[in-house]
Amino acid sequence: MNEQFSIASKVAVITGAGGVLGGSIAKCFTEQDAKVVAVDIRQEQLDKRVEELKAYGEDVIGIVGNVLDIASLEK
């Protein structure tokens, strides 16, 4: 990737990361050495995705929450 547009060491918060589209985006970002915060409302899918993503980079965390419900993110 062109260094001008590098996302290496940047933090990316990806909502819906347990799903197909969000998971694919999270994978691409992880492969580019971004620090990924994966957010999803489904604990089981999120846990699976985080484990998959850690194969591409260690800077991945998962947060269960609903971005439409601020109280769920403040926990």
N, C-alpha and C. Protein backbone atom coordinates (compact mmCIF):
# COMPACT_ATOMS: atom_id res chain seq x y z
N MET A 1 0.85 -1.18 0.00
CA MET A 1 0.00 0.00 0.00
C MET A 1 0.89 1.24 0.00
N ASN A 2 0.45 2.27 -0.67
CA ASN A 2 1.16 3.54 -0.73
C ASN A 2 1.30 4.09 0.70
N GLU A 3 2.52 4.46 1.09
CA GLU A 3 2.77 4.96 2.44
C GLU A 3 1.95 6.20 2.76
N GLN A 4 1.60 6.98 1.75
CA GLN A 4 0.81 8.18 1.96
C GLN A 4 -0.56 7.83 2.55
N PHE A 5 -1.07 6.67 2.22
CA PHE A 5 -2.40 6.26 2.68
C PHE A 5 -2.34 5.09 3.66
N SER A 6 -1.21 4.90 4.29
CA SER A 6 -1.03 3.79 5.22
C SER A 6 -1.94 3.92 6.44
N ILE A 7 -2.49 2.79 6.87
CA ILE A 7 -3.27 2.77 8.11
C ILE A 7 -2.54 2.02 9.21
N ALA A 8 -1.28 1.67 8.97
CA ALA A 8 -0.47 0.97 9.97
C ALA A 8 -0.42 1.80 11.26
N SER A 9 -0.65 1.16 12.37
CA SER A 9 -0.63 1.76 13.71
C SER A 9 -1.78 2.72 13.98
N LYS A 10 -2.71 2.86 13.06
CA LYS A 10 -3.91 3.67 13.29
C LYS A 10 -4.94 2.80 13.99
N VAL A 11 -5.86 3.42 14.73
CA VAL A 11 -6.92 2.69 15.41
C VAL A 11 -8.18 2.76 14.57
N ALA A 12 -8.75 1.59 14.29
CA ALA A 12 -9.99 1.51 13.51
C ALA A 12 -11.06 0.84 14.36
N VAL A 13 -12.18 1.52 14.55
CA VAL A 13 -13.33 0.94 15.26
C VAL A 13 -14.30 0.46 14.19
N ILE A 14 -14.56 -0.84 14.20
CA ILE A 14 -15.39 -1.43 13.15
C ILE A 14 -16.64 -2.02 13.79
N THR A 15 -17.79 -1.45 13.45
CA THR A 15 -19.05 -1.95 13.98
C THR A 15 -19.56 -3.07 13.09
N GLY A 16 -20.29 -3.98 13.69
CA GLY A 16 -20.78 -5.13 12.94
C GLY A 16 -19.67 -6.09 12.56
N ALA A 17 -18.60 -6.10 13.34
CA ALA A 17 -17.42 -6.90 13.01
C ALA A 17 -17.67 -8.40 13.05
N GLY A 18 -18.72 -8.84 13.73
CA GLY A 18 -19.04 -10.26 13.77
C GLY A 18 -19.71 -10.74 12.50
N GLY A 19 -20.19 -9.82 11.68
CA GLY A 19 -20.85 -10.18 10.43
C GLY A 19 -19.89 -10.30 9.27
N VAL A 20 -20.44 -10.57 8.11
CA VAL A 20 -19.62 -10.80 6.92
C VAL A 20 -18.92 -9.52 6.46
N LEU A 21 -19.66 -8.45 6.27
CA LEU A 21 -19.06 -7.21 5.75
C LEU A 21 -18.10 -6.58 6.77
N GLY A 22 -18.57 -6.40 8.00
CA GLY A 22 -17.71 -5.83 9.03
C GLY A 22 -16.49 -6.69 9.30
N GLY A 23 -16.67 -8.00 9.27
CA GLY A 23 -15.55 -8.92 9.49
C GLY A 23 -14.52 -8.83 8.38
N SER A 24 -14.99 -8.67 7.15
CA SER A 24 -14.07 -8.55 6.01
C SER A 24 -13.27 -7.25 6.09
N ILE A 25 -13.94 -6.18 6.48
CA ILE A 25 -13.26 -4.90 6.64
C ILE A 25 -12.23 -5.00 7.76
N ALA A 26 -12.62 -5.62 8.87
CA ALA A 26 -11.69 -5.79 9.99
C ALA A 26 -10.47 -6.60 9.57
N LYS A 27 -10.68 -7.64 8.78
CA LYS A 27 -9.56 -8.47 8.31
C LYS A 27 -8.61 -7.64 7.45
N CYS A 28 -9.15 -6.87 6.52
CA CYS A 28 -8.30 -6.03 5.65
C CYS A 28 -7.50 -5.04 6.47
N PHE A 29 -8.14 -4.40 7.45
CA PHE A 29 -7.44 -3.43 8.28
C PHE A 29 -6.36 -4.10 9.11
N THR A 30 -6.66 -5.28 9.66
CA THR A 30 -5.69 -6.00 10.46
C THR A 30 -4.49 -6.40 9.62
N GLU A 31 -4.74 -6.84 8.39
CA GLU A 31 -3.65 -7.21 7.49
C GLU A 31 -2.76 -6.03 7.15
N GLN A 32 -3.31 -4.81 7.26
CA GLN A 32 -2.53 -3.60 6.99
C GLN A 32 -1.93 -3.02 8.27
N ASP A 33 -1.89 -3.83 9.32
CA ASP A 33 -1.28 -3.46 10.61
C ASP A 33 -1.99 -2.35 11.36
N ALA A 34 -3.30 -2.20 11.12
CA ALA A 34 -4.08 -1.26 11.93
C ALA A 34 -4.41 -1.92 13.26
N LYS A 35 -4.67 -1.11 14.26
CA LYS A 35 -5.14 -1.60 15.56
C LYS A 35 -6.66 -1.60 15.48
N VAL A 36 -7.26 -2.77 15.59
CA VAL A 36 -8.69 -2.92 15.33
C VAL A 36 -9.48 -3.13 16.62
N VAL A 37 -10.52 -2.31 16.76
CA VAL A 37 -11.50 -2.48 17.82
C VAL A 37 -12.76 -3.00 17.13
N ALA A 38 -13.05 -4.28 17.33
CA ALA A 38 -14.19 -4.92 16.69
C ALA A 38 -15.39 -4.83 17.62
N VAL A 39 -16.50 -4.28 17.11
CA VAL A 39 -17.70 -4.10 17.92
C VAL A 39 -18.85 -4.87 17.27
N ASP A 40 -19.60 -5.59 18.10
CA ASP A 40 -20.78 -6.30 17.61
C ASP A 40 -21.72 -6.55 18.78
N ILE A 41 -22.98 -6.75 18.49
CA ILE A 41 -23.96 -7.01 19.56
C ILE A 41 -24.03 -8.49 19.91
N ARG A 42 -23.39 -9.33 19.11
CA ARG A 42 -23.46 -10.78 19.32
C ARG A 42 -22.13 -11.30 19.84
N GLN A 43 -22.11 -11.68 21.11
CA GLN A 43 -20.89 -12.12 21.78
C GLN A 43 -20.22 -13.30 21.07
N GLU A 44 -20.99 -14.32 20.74
CA GLU A 44 -20.40 -15.53 20.15
C GLU A 44 -19.74 -15.25 18.81
N GLN A 45 -20.42 -14.52 17.93
CA GLN A 45 -19.84 -14.20 16.62
C GLN A 45 -18.62 -13.30 16.77
N LEU A 46 -18.69 -12.38 17.70
CA LEU A 46 -17.57 -11.46 17.93
C LEU A 46 -16.34 -12.22 18.43
N ASP A 47 -16.55 -13.13 19.37
CA ASP A 47 -15.42 -13.92 19.89
C ASP A 47 -14.74 -14.72 18.77
N LYS A 48 -15.54 -15.32 17.91
CA LYS A 48 -14.99 -16.09 16.79
C LYS A 48 -14.19 -15.18 15.86
N ARG A 49 -14.75 -14.02 15.55
CA ARG A 49 -14.08 -13.09 14.64
C ARG A 49 -12.77 -12.59 15.22
N VAL A 50 -12.76 -12.25 16.49
CA VAL A 50 -11.53 -11.75 17.12
C VAL A 50 -10.44 -12.82 17.06
N GLU A 51 -10.80 -14.06 17.31
CA GLU A 51 -9.81 -15.14 17.22
C GLU A 51 -9.27 -15.27 15.80
N GLU A 52 -10.16 -15.17 14.80
CA GLU A 52 -9.72 -15.23 13.40
C GLU A 52 -8.78 -14.07 13.07
N LEU A 53 -9.12 -12.88 13.53
CA LEU A 53 -8.33 -11.69 13.23
C LEU A 53 -6.95 -11.73 13.87
N LYS A 54 -6.84 -12.35 15.03
CA LYS A 54 -5.55 -12.42 15.71
C LYS A 54 -4.53 -13.24 14.93
N ALA A 55 -4.98 -14.02 13.96
CA ALA A 55 -4.05 -14.74 13.08
C ALA A 55 -3.32 -13.78 12.15
N TYR A 56 -3.90 -12.59 11.95
CA TYR A 56 -3.32 -11.59 11.05
C TYR A 56 -2.59 -10.48 11.79
N GLY A 57 -2.88 -10.33 13.07
CA GLY A 57 -2.24 -9.30 13.87
C GLY A 57 -2.73 -9.36 15.30
N GLU A 58 -1.88 -9.00 16.23
CA GLU A 58 -2.22 -9.10 17.65
C GLU A 58 -3.01 -7.91 18.18
N ASP A 59 -3.00 -6.80 17.47
CA ASP A 59 -3.66 -5.59 17.96
C ASP A 59 -5.14 -5.58 17.63
N VAL A 60 -5.87 -6.53 18.22
CA VAL A 60 -7.31 -6.65 17.98
C VAL A 60 -8.00 -6.87 19.33
N ILE A 61 -9.04 -6.09 19.58
CA ILE A 61 -9.87 -6.34 20.76
C ILE A 61 -11.32 -6.37 20.32
N GLY A 62 -12.14 -7.07 21.06
CA GLY A 62 -13.57 -7.14 20.77
C GLY A 62 -14.37 -6.50 21.89
N ILE A 63 -15.38 -5.75 21.51
CA ILE A 63 -16.27 -5.12 22.48
C ILE A 63 -17.71 -5.45 22.08
N VAL A 64 -18.44 -6.04 23.02
CA VAL A 64 -19.85 -6.31 22.77
C VAL A 64 -20.62 -5.05 23.10
N GLY A 65 -21.38 -4.57 22.14
CA GLY A 65 -22.16 -3.37 22.36
C GLY A 65 -22.99 -3.02 21.14
N ASN A 66 -23.96 -2.16 21.36
CA ASN A 66 -24.84 -1.68 20.31
C ASN A 66 -24.56 -0.19 20.13
N VAL A 67 -24.04 0.20 18.99
CA VAL A 67 -23.68 1.61 18.79
C VAL A 67 -24.90 2.53 18.79
N LEU A 68 -26.09 1.96 18.69
CA LEU A 68 -27.31 2.77 18.77
C LEU A 68 -27.77 2.96 20.21
N ASP A 69 -27.11 2.28 21.15
CA ASP A 69 -27.44 2.36 22.57
C ASP A 69 -26.17 2.74 23.33
N ILE A 70 -26.00 4.02 23.59
CA ILE A 70 -24.77 4.51 24.20
C ILE A 70 -24.51 3.85 25.55
N ALA A 71 -25.54 3.56 26.31
CA ALA A 71 -25.36 2.93 27.62
C ALA A 71 -24.68 1.57 27.49
N SER A 72 -24.95 0.85 26.42
CA SER A 72 -24.32 -0.47 26.24
C SER A 72 -22.82 -0.35 25.97
N LEU A 73 -22.38 0.79 25.46
CA LEU A 73 -20.96 0.99 25.17
C LEU A 73 -20.20 1.55 26.36
N GLU A 74 -20.91 2.11 27.32
CA GLU A 74 -20.27 2.71 28.49
C GLU A 74 -19.93 1.68 29.56
N LYS A 75 -20.32 0.44 29.37
CA LYS A 75 -20.06 -0.61 30.37
C LYS A 75 -18.60 -0.93 30.45
